[in-house]
Structure formats: C-alpha cells, structure tokens
Amino acid sequence: MKKRIAIISAILEEPEKIQFDFNKLISNYKDIVRGRMGIPFHEDNISVICIIVVGTLDEINSLTGKLGNLDNCIVKTSISKKEIDR
C-alpha cells in the first residue's frame, strides 16, 4: 500500500494533564513514527511537539484524530502529495 510522509504538529496546553495519554498514543503508532521534537514553554504551561510520520492516509488520519480528541491538545497535520513505496 502506498504511504506518505506527514508532519503532525501539536500544542499541549497544560501538558502535565495530558502528556501521559499523549505519549501513550504516540507509542501505539511507533511503527509509523520516524522522528519527534518537543519544546516546552514552562513559563506559559505549554508544550509544542512536532512528529514526523510515514504511513498510509488511514494511519496518519487515525493518529491525528486520536490526538485531536485529547483535551487541551490542538493538532494540525501536513501530508505530502507524493506517494512513496515502503
């Protein structure tokens, strides 16, 4: 099945309340995750996280949807138009 590269950007407001659930979801999709970068803004009680994934549209959309359903988690995804074989 064709796969695409995507970037999932997430802003966690009050990250201490949701970071366990957020990290658990990410680990459930470890097969498609290729990289992750997080920057905490302690003084503002916000964390900004960028996750690079390679997967099918269904896999990418599933992860994005589950993250977006977490309270205090704002998620946006950019997906490449080019399909790749992996």
Protein backbone atom coordinates (compact mmCIF):
# COMPACT_ATOMS: atom_id res chain seq x y z
CA MET A 1 0.00 0.00 0.00
CA LYS A 2 1.23 3.49 -0.82
CA LYS A 3 2.46 5.64 2.04
CA ARG A 4 3.04 9.33 2.55
CA ILE A 5 5.26 11.47 4.70
CA ALA A 6 3.49 13.79 7.13
CA ILE A 7 4.20 16.22 9.92
CA ILE A 8 1.85 16.25 12.89
CA SER A 9 2.09 19.44 14.93
CA ALA A 10 0.59 19.54 18.39
CA ILE A 11 0.26 22.22 21.03
CA LEU A 12 -0.41 20.89 24.51
CA GLU A 13 -1.96 23.41 26.86
CA GLU A 14 -1.42 22.30 30.46
CA PRO A 15 0.79 19.42 29.26
CA GLU A 16 1.14 17.83 32.69
CA LYS A 17 -2.56 16.87 32.49
CA ILE A 18 -2.37 15.07 29.14
CA GLN A 19 1.26 14.14 28.49
CA PHE A 20 0.80 10.54 29.68
CA ASP A 21 -2.15 9.93 27.33
CA PHE A 22 -0.41 11.81 24.51
CA ASN A 23 2.78 9.74 24.83
CA LYS A 24 0.80 6.51 25.10
CA LEU A 25 -0.97 7.27 21.80
CA ILE A 26 2.32 8.07 20.09
CA SER A 27 3.83 4.80 21.31
CA ASN A 28 0.83 2.90 19.91
CA TYR A 29 1.84 4.22 16.47
CA LYS A 30 5.58 3.62 16.85
CA ASP A 31 5.68 1.73 13.54
CA ILE A 32 4.95 4.91 11.57
CA VAL A 33 6.78 7.47 13.73
CA ARG A 34 10.16 8.47 12.29
CA GLY A 35 11.04 11.43 14.49
CA ARG A 36 9.80 13.68 17.23
CA MET A 37 10.79 17.06 18.61
CA GLY A 38 9.25 18.77 21.59
CA ILE A 39 9.85 22.20 23.03
CA PRO A 40 8.42 23.05 26.45
CA PHE A 41 7.40 26.58 27.33
CA HIS A 42 7.37 26.10 31.10
CA GLU A 43 6.58 29.71 31.92
CA ASP A 44 3.46 29.55 29.72
CA ASN A 45 2.46 25.98 30.68
CA ILE A 46 2.50 24.90 27.00
CA SER A 47 4.45 22.31 25.02
CA VAL A 48 4.91 22.34 21.26
CA ILE A 49 5.54 18.96 19.63
CA CYS A 50 6.33 18.01 16.03
CA ILE A 51 6.06 14.36 14.94
CA ILE A 52 7.27 13.10 11.55
CA VAL A 53 5.44 10.00 10.32
CA VAL A 54 5.50 7.74 7.26
CA GLY A 55 2.27 5.81 6.82
CA THR A 56 -0.93 5.30 4.91
CA LEU A 57 -3.54 8.04 4.92
CA ASP A 58 -5.67 5.90 7.23
CA GLU A 59 -2.83 5.50 9.75
CA ILE A 60 -1.93 9.20 9.68
CA ASN A 61 -5.55 10.32 10.00
CA SER A 62 -6.21 7.83 12.78
CA LEU A 63 -3.32 9.11 14.88
CA THR A 64 -4.19 12.74 14.17
CA GLY A 65 -7.83 12.17 15.13
CA LYS A 66 -7.00 10.43 18.39
CA LEU A 67 -4.55 13.16 19.40
CA GLY A 68 -7.10 15.83 18.49
CA ASN A 69 -9.66 14.22 20.80
CA LEU A 70 -7.44 14.79 23.84
CA ASP A 71 -8.48 17.73 26.00
CA ASN A 72 -6.19 20.76 25.68
CA CYS A 73 -4.44 19.36 22.60
CA ILE A 74 -4.54 21.34 19.34
CA VAL A 75 -3.39 19.29 16.33
CA LYS A 76 -2.69 20.11 12.69
CA THR A 77 -1.25 17.79 10.06
CA SER A 78 0.53 18.43 6.76
CA ILE A 79 0.64 15.44 4.41
CA SER A 80 2.81 15.13 1.31
CA LYS A 81 1.06 14.77 -2.02
CA LYS A 82 3.74 12.38 -3.25
CA GLU A 83 3.17 8.70 -2.51
CA ILE A 84 6.16 6.52 -1.65
CA ASP A 85 6.79 2.78 -1.62
CA ARG A 86 7.99 1.44 1.73
